[in-house]
Amino acid sequence: MRFRSEGNERGSVTAEFAAVIPAVMLVLAGCMVCFQLASQQLRLQDAAAVTARSLSRGDSAPAFPGASVTTRSDGDLLCARLTLAAQLPLLIELSAESCALA
């Protein structure tokens, strides 16, 4: 048995669905951007650790594409800080620091 409503609601589900799709796509795009930033930060942290260990042994610092390296000594520790502008259309700068015994 079908119930008829008072007004004409034909197509209202389609209109609601069409309004929700852009919002869902925007949320998914935001999630993907956050995932990319998190994975880029992890790679940068690993590169900072490798750089600090290499410099403490006296080797040359391995290159991380697009990152600038600054070093500092803190007692027996040699610290390396990598800074990288995010590769996304956002104005975010990622940085990671790691220290190793010199």
PDB file of N, CA and C in Angstrom:
ATOM      1  N   MET A   1       0.840  -1.158   0.000  1.00  0.00           N
ATOM      2  CA  MET A   1       0.000   0.000   0.000  1.00  0.00           C
ATOM      3  C   MET A   1       0.897   1.237   0.000  1.00  0.00           C
ATOM      4  N   ARG A   2       0.682   2.154  -0.914  1.00  0.00           N
ATOM      5  CA  ARG A   2       1.454   3.389  -0.991  1.00  0.00           C
ATOM      6  C   ARG A   2       0.685   4.514  -0.354  1.00  0.00           C
ATOM      7  N   PHE A   3       1.430   5.317   0.378  1.00  0.00           N
ATOM      8  CA  PHE A   3       0.819   6.500   0.976  1.00  0.00           C
ATOM      9  C   PHE A   3       1.194   7.713   0.152  1.00  0.00           C
ATOM     10  N   ARG A   4       0.248   8.529  -0.090  1.00  0.00           N
ATOM     11  CA  ARG A   4       0.516   9.751  -0.844  1.00  0.00           C
ATOM     12  C   ARG A   4       0.620  10.909   0.126  1.00  0.00           C
ATOM     13  N   SER A   5       1.645  11.723  -0.111  1.00  0.00           N
ATOM     14  CA  SER A   5       1.802  12.885   0.762  1.00  0.00           C
ATOM     15  C   SER A   5       0.988  14.040   0.198  1.00  0.00           C
ATOM     16  N   GLU A   6       0.852  15.033   1.024  1.00  0.00           N
ATOM     17  CA  GLU A   6       0.047  16.189   0.637  1.00  0.00           C
ATOM     18  C   GLU A   6       0.700  16.960  -0.513  1.00  0.00           C
ATOM     19  N   GLY A   7       2.049  17.222  -0.402  1.00  0.00           N
ATOM     20  CA  GLY A   7       2.726  18.017  -1.427  1.00  0.00           C
ATOM     21  C   GLY A   7       3.386  17.141  -2.474  1.00  0.00           C
ATOM     22  N   ASN A   8       3.913  17.796  -3.431  1.00  0.00           N
ATOM     23  CA  ASN A   8       4.616  17.087  -4.486  1.00  0.00           C
ATOM     24  C   ASN A   8       6.084  16.944  -4.075  1.00  0.00           C
ATOM     25  N   GLU A   9       6.496  15.760  -3.631  1.00  0.00           N
ATOM     26  CA  GLU A   9       7.860  15.509  -3.178  1.00  0.00           C
ATOM     27  C   GLU A   9       8.636  14.670  -4.180  1.00  0.00           C
ATOM     28  N   ARG A  10       8.145  14.593  -5.367  1.00  0.00           N
ATOM     29  CA  ARG A  10       8.795  13.788  -6.382  1.00  0.00           C
ATOM     30  C   ARG A  10      10.157  14.396  -6.735  1.00  0.00           C
ATOM     31  N   GLY A  11      11.221  13.576  -6.639  1.00  0.00           N
ATOM     32  CA  GLY A  11      12.569  14.046  -6.940  1.00  0.00           C
ATOM     33  C   GLY A  11      13.306  14.640  -5.760  1.00  0.00           C
ATOM     34  N   SER A  12      12.699  14.660  -4.583  1.00  0.00           N
ATOM     35  CA  SER A  12      13.380  15.258  -3.432  1.00  0.00           C
ATOM     36  C   SER A  12      14.580  14.427  -2.990  1.00  0.00           C
ATOM     37  N   VAL A  13      14.510  13.112  -3.133  1.00  0.00           N
ATOM     38  CA  VAL A  13      15.647  12.262  -2.779  1.00  0.00           C
ATOM     39  C   VAL A  13      16.813  12.531  -3.710  1.00  0.00           C
ATOM     40  N   THR A  14      16.535  12.721  -4.968  1.00  0.00           N
ATOM     41  CA  THR A  14      17.581  13.024  -5.938  1.00  0.00           C
ATOM     42  C   THR A  14      18.237  14.360  -5.621  1.00  0.00           C
ATOM     43  N   ALA A  15      17.467  15.346  -5.249  1.00  0.00           N
ATOM     44  CA  ALA A  15      18.011  16.664  -4.913  1.00  0.00           C
ATOM     45  C   ALA A  15      18.863  16.586  -3.649  1.00  0.00           C
ATOM     46  N   GLU A  16      18.414  15.840  -2.645  1.00  0.00           N
ATOM     47  CA  GLU A  16      19.195  15.695  -1.418  1.00  0.00           C
ATOM     48  C   GLU A  16      20.493  14.953  -1.704  1.00  0.00           C
ATOM     49  N   PHE A  17      20.427  13.925  -2.530  1.00  0.00           N
ATOM     50  CA  PHE A  17      21.624  13.169  -2.884  1.00  0.00           C
ATOM     51  C   PHE A  17      22.609  14.051  -3.640  1.00  0.00           C
ATOM     52  N   ALA A  18      22.124  14.881  -4.543  1.00  0.00           N
ATOM     53  CA  ALA A  18      22.983  15.783  -5.311  1.00  0.00           C
ATOM     54  C   ALA A  18      23.619  16.836  -4.406  1.00  0.00           C
ATOM     55  N   ALA A  19      22.976  17.198  -3.324  1.00  0.00           N
ATOM     56  CA  ALA A  19      23.547  18.170  -2.391  1.00  0.00           C
ATOM     57  C   ALA A  19      24.585  17.533  -1.473  1.00  0.00           C
ATOM     58  N   VAL A  20      24.455  16.251  -1.183  1.00  0.00           N
ATOM     59  CA  VAL A  20      25.361  15.577  -0.262  1.00  0.00           C
ATOM     60  C   VAL A  20      26.659  15.155  -0.950  1.00  0.00           C
ATOM     61  N   ILE A  21      26.613  14.826  -2.239  1.00  0.00           N
ATOM     62  CA  ILE A  21      27.787  14.326  -2.957  1.00  0.00           C
ATOM     63  C   ILE A  21      28.979  15.296  -2.878  1.00  0.00           C
ATOM     64  N   PRO A  22      28.824  16.605  -3.127  1.00  0.00           N
ATOM     65  CA  PRO A  22      29.992  17.494  -3.015  1.00  0.00           C
ATOM     66  C   PRO A  22      30.575  17.531  -1.595  1.00  0.00           C
ATOM     67  N   ALA A  23      29.731  17.467  -0.589  1.00  0.00           N
ATOM     68  CA  ALA A  23      30.223  17.476   0.791  1.00  0.00           C
ATOM     69  C   ALA A  23      31.026  16.213   1.087  1.00  0.00           C
ATOM     70  N   VAL A  24      30.560  15.077   0.625  1.00  0.00           N
ATOM     71  CA  VAL A  24      31.282  13.817   0.836  1.00  0.00           C
ATOM     72  C   VAL A  24      32.616  13.848   0.090  1.00  0.00           C
ATOM     73  N   MET A  25      32.614  14.363  -1.123  1.00  0.00           N
ATOM     74  CA  MET A  25      33.854  14.459  -1.893  1.00  0.00           C
ATOM     75  C   MET A  25      34.860  15.391  -1.218  1.00  0.00           C
ATOM     76  N   LEU A  26      34.383  16.478  -0.636  1.00  0.00           N
ATOM     77  CA  LEU A  26      35.254  17.410   0.063  1.00  0.00           C
ATOM     78  C   LEU A  26      35.875  16.762   1.303  1.00  0.00           C
ATOM     79  N   VAL A  27      35.100  15.998   2.041  1.00  0.00           N
ATOM     80  CA  VAL A  27      35.617  15.296   3.223  1.00  0.00           C
ATOM     81  C   VAL A  27      36.648  14.249   2.803  1.00  0.00           C
ATOM     82  N   LEU A  28      36.372  13.499   1.749  1.00  0.00           N
ATOM     83  CA  LEU A  28      37.336  12.510   1.264  1.00  0.00           C
ATOM     84  C   LEU A  28      38.626  13.165   0.785  1.00  0.00           C
ATOM     85  N   ALA A  29      38.528  14.286   0.103  1.00  0.00           N
ATOM     86  CA  ALA A  29      39.729  14.997  -0.348  1.00  0.00           C
ATOM     87  C   ALA A  29      40.541  15.486   0.851  1.00  0.00           C
ATOM     88  N   GLY A  30      39.873  15.980   1.873  1.00  0.00           N
ATOM     89  CA  GLY A  30      40.562  16.407   3.087  1.00  0.00           C
ATOM     90  C   GLY A  30      41.271  15.254   3.773  1.00  0.00           C
ATOM     91  N   CYS A  31      40.638  14.112   3.808  1.00  0.00           N
ATOM     92  CA  CYS A  31      41.266  12.929   4.406  1.00  0.00           C
ATOM     93  C   CYS A  31      42.502  12.505   3.611  1.00  0.00           C
ATOM     94  N   MET A  32      42.417  12.572   2.308  1.00  0.00           N
ATOM     95  CA  MET A  32      43.561  12.186   1.478  1.00  0.00           C
ATOM     96  C   MET A  32      44.724  13.155   1.670  1.00  0.00           C
ATOM     97  N   VAL A  33      44.444  14.447   1.784  1.00  0.00           N
ATOM     98  CA  VAL A  33      45.488  15.440   2.021  1.00  0.00           C
ATOM     99  C   VAL A  33      46.157  15.194   3.371  1.00  0.00           C
ATOM    100  N   CYS A  34      45.364  14.921   4.394  1.00  0.00           N
ATOM    101  CA  CYS A  34      45.926  14.634   5.721  1.00  0.00           C
ATOM    102  C   CYS A  34      46.776  13.375   5.697  1.00  0.00           C
ATOM    103  N   PHE A  35      46.351  12.369   4.981  1.00  0.00           N
ATOM    104  CA  PHE A  35      47.134  11.139   4.873  1.00  0.00           C
ATOM    105  C   PHE A  35      48.463  11.402   4.165  1.00  0.00           C
ATOM    106  N   GLN A  36      48.442  12.203   3.106  1.00  0.00           N
ATOM    107  CA  GLN A  36      49.676  12.531   2.394  1.00  0.00           C
ATOM    108  C   GLN A  36      50.631  13.325   3.282  1.00  0.00           C
ATOM    109  N   LEU A  37      50.102  14.274   4.043  1.00  0.00           N
ATOM    110  CA  LEU A  37      50.952  15.048   4.937  1.00  0.00           C
ATOM    111  C   LEU A  37      51.569  14.170   6.019  1.00  0.00           C
ATOM    112  N   ALA A  38      50.782  13.258   6.570  1.00  0.00           N
ATOM    113  CA  ALA A  38      51.298  12.364   7.611  1.00  0.00           C
ATOM    114  C   ALA A  38      52.383  11.446   7.065  1.00  0.00           C
ATOM    115  N   SER A  39      52.185  10.906   5.878  1.00  0.00           N
ATOM    116  CA  SER A  39      53.202  10.019   5.316  1.00  0.00           C
ATOM    117  C   SER A  39      54.458  10.797   4.938  1.00  0.00           C
ATOM    118  N   GLN A  40      54.304  12.024   4.480  1.00  0.00           N
ATOM    119  CA  GLN A  40      55.457  12.859   4.156  1.00  0.00           C
ATOM    120  C   GLN A  40      56.233  13.216   5.427  1.00  0.00           C
ATOM    121  N   GLN A  41      55.523  13.463   6.518  1.00  0.00           N
ATOM    122  CA  GLN A  41      56.178  13.759   7.792  1.00  0.00           C
ATOM    123  C   GLN A  41      56.960  12.548   8.295  1.00  0.00           C
ATOM    124  N   LEU A  42      56.402  11.363   8.140  1.00  0.00           N
ATOM    125  CA  LEU A  42      57.112  10.151   8.555  1.00  0.00           C
ATOM    126  C   LEU A  42      58.386   9.933   7.736  1.00  0.00           C
ATOM    127  N   ARG A  43      58.303  10.143   6.432  1.00  0.00           N
ATOM    128  CA  ARG A  43      59.496  10.003   5.591  1.00  0.00           C
ATOM    129  C   ARG A  43      60.556  11.033   5.966  1.00  0.00           C
ATOM    130  N   LEU A  44      60.111  12.242   6.294  1.00  0.00           N
ATOM    131  CA  LEU A  44      61.049  13.290   6.687  1.00  0.00           C
ATOM    132  C   LEU A  44      61.707  12.957   8.023  1.00  0.00           C
ATOM    133  N   GLN A  45      60.958  12.390   8.959  1.00  0.00           N
ATOM    134  CA  GLN A  45      61.529  12.006  10.252  1.00  0.00           C
ATOM    135  C   GLN A  45      62.560  10.895  10.079  1.00  0.00           C
ATOM    136  N   ASP A  46      62.266   9.926   9.241  1.00  0.00           N
ATOM    137  CA  ASP A  46      63.238   8.869   8.958  1.00  0.00           C
ATOM    138  C   ASP A  46      64.501   9.441   8.306  1.00  0.00           C
ATOM    139  N   ALA A  47      64.322  10.374   7.395  1.00  0.00           N
ATOM    140  CA  ALA A  47      65.478  10.981   6.730  1.00  0.00           C
ATOM    141  C   ALA A  47      66.310  11.798   7.717  1.00  0.00           C
ATOM    142  N   ALA A  48      65.669  12.453   8.672  1.00  0.00           N
ATOM    143  CA  ALA A  48      66.409  13.209   9.686  1.00  0.00           C
ATOM    144  C   ALA A  48      67.241  12.277  10.549  1.00  0.00           C
ATOM    145  N   ALA A  49      66.693  11.114  10.899  1.00  0.00           N
ATOM    146  CA  ALA A  49      67.448  10.148  11.695  1.00  0.00           C
ATOM    147  C   ALA A  49      68.646   9.617  10.916  1.00  0.00           C
ATOM    148  N   VAL A  50      68.458   9.304   9.650  1.00  0.00           N
ATOM    149  CA  VAL A  50      69.553   8.802   8.814  1.00  0.00           C
ATOM    150  C   VAL A  50      70.614   9.887   8.644  1.00  0.00           C
ATOM    151  N   THR A  51      70.188  11.118   8.447  1.00  0.00           N
ATOM    152  CA  THR A  51      71.120  12.227   8.276  1.00  0.00           C
ATOM    153  C   THR A  51      71.950  12.445   9.542  1.00  0.00           C
ATOM    154  N   ALA A  52      71.297  12.419  10.696  1.00  0.00           N
ATOM    155  CA  ALA A  52      72.014  12.617  11.961  1.00  0.00           C
ATOM    156  C   ALA A  52      73.036  11.503  12.180  1.00  0.00           C
ATOM    157  N   ARG A  53      72.664  10.265  11.899  1.00  0.00           N
ATOM    158  CA  ARG A  53      73.610   9.156  12.068  1.00  0.00           C
ATOM    159  C   ARG A  53      74.773   9.272  11.094  1.00  0.00           C
ATOM    160  N   SER A  54      74.493   9.631   9.846  1.00  0.00           N
ATOM    161  CA  SER A  54      75.551   9.766   8.847  1.00  0.00           C
ATOM    162  C   SER A  54      76.525  10.882   9.214  1.00  0.00           C
ATOM    163  N   LEU A  55      75.997  12.015   9.634  1.00  0.00           N
ATOM    164  CA  LEU A  55      76.864  13.135   9.992  1.00  0.00           C
ATOM    165  C   LEU A  55      77.679  12.840  11.250  1.00  0.00           C
ATOM    166  N   SER A  56      77.114  12.095  12.188  1.00  0.00           N
ATOM    167  CA  SER A  56      77.862  11.776  13.401  1.00  0.00           C
ATOM    168  C   SER A  56      79.009  10.808  13.121  1.00  0.00           C
ATOM    169  N   ARG A  57      78.886   9.996  12.083  1.00  0.00           N
ATOM    170  CA  ARG A  57      79.971   9.084  11.676  1.00  0.00           C
ATOM    171  C   ARG A  57      81.013   9.786  10.828  1.00  0.00           C
ATOM    172  N   GLY A  58      80.706  10.993  10.379  1.00  0.00           N
ATOM    173  CA  GLY A  58      81.639  11.728   9.531  1.00  0.00           C
ATOM    174  C   GLY A  58      81.360  11.576   8.057  1.00  0.00           C
ATOM    175  N   ASP A  59      80.295  10.893   7.697  1.00  0.00           N
ATOM    176  CA  ASP A  59      79.917  10.739   6.291  1.00  0.00           C
ATOM    177  C   ASP A  59      79.186  11.987   5.820  1.00  0.00           C
ATOM    178  N   SER A  60      78.976  12.073   4.516  1.00  0.00           N
ATOM    179  CA  SER A  60      78.189  13.184   3.993  1.00  0.00           C
ATOM    180  C   SER A  60      76.712  12.907   4.226  1.00  0.00           C
ATOM    181  N   ALA A  61      75.956  13.979   4.309  1.00  0.00           N
ATOM    182  CA  ALA A  61      74.521  13.844   4.563  1.00  0.00           C
ATOM    183  C   ALA A  61      73.808  13.348   3.321  1.00  0.00           C
ATOM    184  N   PRO A  62      72.977  12.309   3.451  1.00  0.00           N
ATOM    185  CA  PRO A  62      72.200  11.858   2.284  1.00  0.00           C
ATOM    186  C   PRO A  62      71.172  12.918   1.894  1.00  0.00           C
ATOM    187  N   ALA A  63      70.882  12.994   0.625  1.00  0.00           N
ATOM    188  CA  ALA A  63      69.965  14.021   0.129  1.00  0.00           C
ATOM    189  C   ALA A  63      68.518  13.567   0.267  1.00  0.00           C
ATOM    190  N   PHE A  64      67.693  14.458   0.757  1.00  0.00           N
ATOM    191  CA  PHE A  64      66.241  14.270   0.747  1.00  0.00           C
ATOM    192  C   PHE A  64      65.712  15.345  -0.184  1.00  0.00           C
ATOM    193  N   PRO A  65      65.078  14.972  -1.287  1.00  0.00           N
ATOM    194  CA  PRO A  65      64.696  15.944  -2.323  1.00  0.00           C
ATOM    195  C   PRO A  65      63.874  17.109  -1.777  1.00  0.00           C
ATOM    196  N   GLY A  66      64.372  18.310  -1.974  1.00  0.00           N
ATOM    197  CA  GLY A  66      63.644  19.516  -1.601  1.00  0.00           C
ATOM    198  C   GLY A  66      63.816  19.950  -0.163  1.00  0.00           C
ATOM    199  N   ALA A  67      64.520  19.192   0.658  1.00  0.00           N
ATOM    200  CA  ALA A  67      64.659  19.522   2.078  1.00  0.00           C
ATOM    201  C   ALA A  67      65.947  20.280   2.326  1.00  0.00           C
ATOM    202  N   SER A  68      65.895  21.214   3.259  1.00  0.00           N
ATOM    203  CA  SER A  68      67.102  21.906   3.690  1.00  0.00           C
ATOM    204  C   SER A  68      67.547  21.314   5.019  1.00  0.00           C
ATOM    205  N   VAL A  69      68.862  21.176   5.196  1.00  0.00           N
ATOM    206  CA  VAL A  69      69.423  20.537   6.385  1.00  0.00           C
ATOM    207  C   VAL A  69      70.181  21.571   7.195  1.00  0.00           C
ATOM    208  N   THR A  70      69.898  21.620   8.488  1.00  0.00           N
ATOM    209  CA  THR A  70      70.680  22.429   9.415  1.00  0.00           C
ATOM    210  C   THR A  70      71.152  21.508  10.531  1.00  0.00           C
ATOM    211  N   THR A  71      72.370  21.738  10.985  1.00  0.00           N
ATOM    212  CA  THR A  71      72.923  20.899  12.050  1.00  0.00           C
ATOM    213  C   THR A  71      73.298  21.766  13.236  1.00  0.00           C
ATOM    214  N   ARG A  72      73.342  21.135  14.393  1.00  0.00           N
ATOM    215  CA  ARG A  72      73.795  21.805  15.608  1.00  0.00           C
ATOM    216  C   ARG A  72      74.388  20.754  16.530  1.00  0.00           C
ATOM    217  N   SER A  73      75.327  21.187  17.330  1.00  0.00           N
ATOM    218  CA  SER A  73      75.935  20.297  18.319  1.00  0.00           C
ATOM    219  C   SER A  73      75.390  20.647  19.690  1.00  0.00           C
ATOM    220  N   ASP A  74      75.058  19.623  20.437  1.00  0.00           N
ATOM    221  CA  ASP A  74      74.533  19.804  21.789  1.00  0.00           C
ATOM    222  C   ASP A  74      75.280  18.830  22.697  1.00  0.00           C
ATOM    223  N   GLY A  75      76.449  19.251  23.150  1.00  0.00           N
ATOM    224  CA  GLY A  75      77.272  18.370  23.968  1.00  0.00           C
ATOM    225  C   GLY A  75      77.822  17.233  23.122  1.00  0.00           C
ATOM    226  N   ASP A  76      77.516  16.011  23.478  1.00  0.00           N
ATOM    227  CA  ASP A  76      77.961  14.839  22.722  1.00  0.00           C
ATOM    228  C   ASP A  76      77.035  14.508  21.552  1.00  0.00           C
ATOM    229  N   LEU A  77      75.979  15.243  21.417  1.00  0.00           N
ATOM    230  CA  LEU A  77      74.991  14.952  20.371  1.00  0.00           C
ATOM    231  C   LEU A  77      75.187  15.855  19.160  1.00  0.00           C
ATOM    232  N   LEU A  78      74.996  15.285  18.016  1.00  0.00           N
ATOM    233  CA  LEU A  78      74.952  16.037  16.768  1.00  0.00           C
ATOM    234  C   LEU A  78      73.523  15.921  16.234  1.00  0.00           C
ATOM    235  N   CYS A  79      72.875  17.054  16.120  1.00  0.00           N
ATOM    236  CA  CYS A  79      71.465  17.051  15.712  1.00  0.00           C
ATOM    237  C   CYS A  79      71.320  17.583  14.290  1.00  0.00           C
ATOM    238  N   ALA A  80      70.458  16.963  13.540  1.00  0.00           N
ATOM    239  CA  ALA A  80      70.153  17.383  12.169  1.00  0.00           C
ATOM    240  C   ALA A  80      68.668  17.712  12.090  1.00  0.00           C
ATOM    241  N   ARG A  81      68.374  18.865  11.507  1.00  0.00           N
ATOM    242  CA  ARG A  81      66.981  19.295  11.336  1.00  0.00           C
ATOM    243  C   ARG A  81      66.707  19.447   9.848  1.00  0.00           C
ATOM    244  N   LEU A  82      65.705  18.736   9.357  1.00  0.00           N
ATOM    245  CA  LEU A  82      65.297  18.830   7.963  1.00  0.00           C
ATOM    246  C   LEU A  82      64.003  19.621   7.883  1.00  0.00           C
ATOM    247  N   THR A  83      63.954  20.558   6.950  1.00  0.00           N
ATOM    248  CA  THR A  83      62.767  21.380   6.746  1.00  0.00           C
ATOM    249  C   THR A  83      62.352  21.255   5.287  1.00  0.00           C
ATOM    250  N   LEU A  84      61.071  21.083   5.081  1.00  0.00           N
ATOM    251  CA  LEU A  84      60.555  20.840   3.742  1.00  0.00           C
ATOM    252  C   LEU A  84      59.218  21.534   3.574  1.00  0.00           C
ATOM    253  N   ALA A  85      59.061  22.258   2.480  1.00  0.00           N
ATOM    254  CA  ALA A  85      57.753  22.808   2.136  1.00  0.00           C
ATOM    255  C   ALA A  85      56.896  21.667   1.611  1.00  0.00           C
ATOM    256  N   ALA A  86      55.693  21.546   2.109  1.00  0.00           N
ATOM    257  CA  ALA A  86      54.813  20.441   1.719  1.00  0.00           C
ATOM    258  C   ALA A  86      54.547  20.479   0.220  1.00  0.00           C
ATOM    259  N   GLN A  87      54.420  19.305  -0.383  1.00  0.00           N
ATOM    260  CA  GLN A  87      54.223  19.203  -1.823  1.00  0.00           C
ATOM    261  C   GLN A  87      52.739  19.232  -2.187  1.00  0.00           C
ATOM    262  N   LEU A  88      52.001  19.964  -1.456  1.00  0.00           N
ATOM    263  CA  LEU A  88      50.565  20.091  -1.692  1.00  0.00           C
ATOM    264  C   LEU A  88      50.252  21.567  -1.889  1.00  0.00           C
ATOM    265  N   PRO A  89      49.088  21.890  -2.383  1.00  0.00           N
ATOM    266  CA  PRO A  89      48.759  23.299  -2.590  1.00  0.00           C
ATOM    267  C   PRO A  89      48.411  24.010  -1.282  1.00  0.00           C
ATOM    268  N   LEU A  90      49.082  23.641  -0.212  1.00  0.00           N
ATOM    269  CA  LEU A  90      48.871  24.286   1.085  1.00  0.00           C
ATOM    270  C   LEU A  90      50.158  24.989   1.485  1.00  0.00           C
ATOM    271  N   LEU A  91      50.060  25.983   2.292  1.00  0.00           N
ATOM    272  CA  LEU A  91      51.248  26.698   2.761  1.00  0.00           C
ATOM    273  C   LEU A  91      51.698  26.100   4.087  1.00  0.00           C
ATOM    274  N   ILE A  92      52.130  24.856   4.037  1.00  0.00           N
ATOM    275  CA  ILE A  92      52.551  24.134   5.237  1.00  0.00           C
ATOM    276  C   ILE A  92      54.022  23.787   5.092  1.00  0.00           C
ATOM    277  N   GLU A  93      54.768  23.966   6.177  1.00  0.00           N
ATOM    278  CA  GLU A  93      56.175  23.602   6.188  1.00  0.00           C
ATOM    279  C   GLU A  93      56.368  22.474   7.198  1.00  0.00           C
ATOM    280  N   LEU A  94      56.918  21.371   6.742  1.00  0.00           N
ATOM    281  CA  LEU A  94      57.168  20.228   7.607  1.00  0.00           C
ATOM    282  C   LEU A  94      58.619  20.284   8.069  1.00  0.00           C
ATOM    283  N   SER A  95      58.854  19.857   9.312  1.00  0.00           N
ATOM    284  CA  SER A  95      60.221  19.768   9.793  1.00  0.00           C
ATOM    285  C   SER A  95      60.350  18.593  10.748  1.00  0.00           C
ATOM    286  N   ALA A  96      61.553  18.051  10.783  1.00  0.00           N
ATOM    287  CA  ALA A  96      61.842  16.917  11.662  1.00  0.00           C
ATOM    288  C   ALA A  96      63.271  17.055  12.152  1.00  0.00           C
ATOM    289  N   GLU A  97      63.499  16.661  13.391  1.00  0.00           N
ATOM    290  CA  GLU A  97      64.826  16.764  13.976  1.00  0.00           C
ATOM    291  C   GLU A  97      65.177  15.444  14.636  1.00  0.00           C
ATOM    292  N   SER A  98      66.435  15.062  14.494  1.00  0.00           N
ATOM    293  CA  SER A  98      66.923  13.845  15.114  1.00  0.00           C
ATOM    294  C   SER A  98      68.364  14.081  15.539  1.00  0.00           C
ATOM    295  N   CYS A  99      68.775  13.426  16.615  1.00  0.00           N
ATOM    296  CA  CYS A  99      70.114  13.581  17.146  1.00  0.00           C
ATOM    297  C   CYS A  99      70.789  12.208  17.246  1.00  0.00           C
ATOM    298  N   ALA A 100      72.119  12.221  17.145  1.00  0.00           N
ATOM    299  CA  ALA A 100      72.905  10.998  17.287  1.00  0.00           C
ATOM    300  C   ALA A 100      74.171  11.346  18.045  1.00  0.00           C
ATOM    301  N   LEU A 101      74.746  10.362  18.736  1.00  0.00           N
ATOM    302  CA  LEU A 101      75.985  10.576  19.455  1.00  0.00           C
ATOM    303  C   LEU A 101      77.110  10.833  18.467  1.00  0.00           C
ATOM    304  N   ALA A 102      77.877  11.885  18.747  1.00  0.00           N
ATOM    305  CA  ALA A 102      78.988  12.236  17.841  1.00  0.00           C
ATOM    306  C   ALA A 102      80.244  11.509  18.219  1.00  0.00           C
TER     307      ALA A 102
END
